[in-house]
Amino acid sequence: MDLFDVELGGRDEPSGGPGGSCSWVTAVILGILVLLAVLVHTFFGWARDLLGALIP
């Protein structure tokens, strides 16, 4: 399955061939996933520090 094909809106030209660049929707979704991963990593870092302070 080609995630960047014409049917998913990956390119502006109506007669697209194989390959191409990703759409804005794909870029936004990837950005949100990266931000979510950073937030989860930060949260668990804070939780580890808090538990380390409470349980010596």
Protein backbone atom coordinates (compact mmCIF):
# COMPACT_ATOMS: atom_id res chain seq x y z
CA MET A 1 0.00 0.00 0.00
CA ASP A 2 1.36 3.41 -0.98
CA LEU A 3 0.57 5.89 1.78
CA PHE A 4 1.56 8.83 -0.40
CA ASP A 5 -0.53 8.12 -3.49
CA VAL A 6 -3.03 10.36 -5.27
CA GLU A 7 -6.14 8.86 -3.64
CA LEU A 8 -5.00 9.98 -0.19
CA GLY A 9 -4.24 13.53 -1.38
CA GLY A 10 -0.48 13.16 -1.28
CA ARG A 11 0.16 15.26 -4.39
CA ASP A 12 -1.48 18.21 -6.08
CA GLU A 13 -1.43 17.00 -9.71
CA PRO A 14 -4.49 14.97 -10.75
CA SER A 15 -2.59 12.32 -12.72
CA GLY A 16 0.05 11.16 -10.29
CA GLY A 17 2.35 8.25 -10.85
CA PRO A 18 3.94 6.07 -8.20
CA GLY A 19 5.77 7.74 -5.33
CA GLY A 20 5.69 11.41 -4.45
CA SER A 21 5.76 13.62 -1.40
CA CYS A 22 3.59 13.29 1.67
CA SER A 23 0.51 15.44 2.25
CA TRP A 24 0.08 18.10 4.91
CA VAL A 25 -2.24 15.76 6.79
CA THR A 26 0.51 13.14 7.01
CA ALA A 27 3.02 15.75 8.19
CA VAL A 28 0.62 17.01 10.88
CA ILE A 29 -0.15 13.47 12.08
CA LEU A 30 3.55 12.64 12.29
CA GLY A 31 4.18 15.88 14.18
CA ILE A 32 1.42 15.07 16.67
CA LEU A 33 2.83 11.58 17.19
CA VAL A 34 6.31 12.95 17.84
CA LEU A 35 4.90 15.52 20.28
CA LEU A 36 2.93 12.79 22.04
CA ALA A 37 6.06 10.63 22.36
CA VAL A 38 7.99 13.56 23.87
CA LEU A 39 5.18 14.29 26.34
CA VAL A 40 4.95 10.64 27.43
CA HIS A 41 8.72 10.48 27.88
CA THR A 42 8.68 13.69 29.94
CA PHE A 43 5.75 12.52 32.08
CA PHE A 44 7.39 9.22 32.94
CA GLY A 45 10.62 11.05 33.73
CA TRP A 46 8.75 13.25 36.21
CA ALA A 47 6.96 10.23 37.67
CA ARG A 48 10.30 8.42 38.13
CA ASP A 49 11.78 11.46 39.89
CA LEU A 50 8.72 11.81 42.13
CA LEU A 51 8.73 8.14 43.10
CA GLY A 52 12.47 8.28 43.68
CA ALA A 53 11.96 11.18 46.11
CA LEU A 54 9.07 9.50 47.94
CA ILE A 55 10.60 6.01 48.16
CA PRO A 56 14.27 6.28 49.13
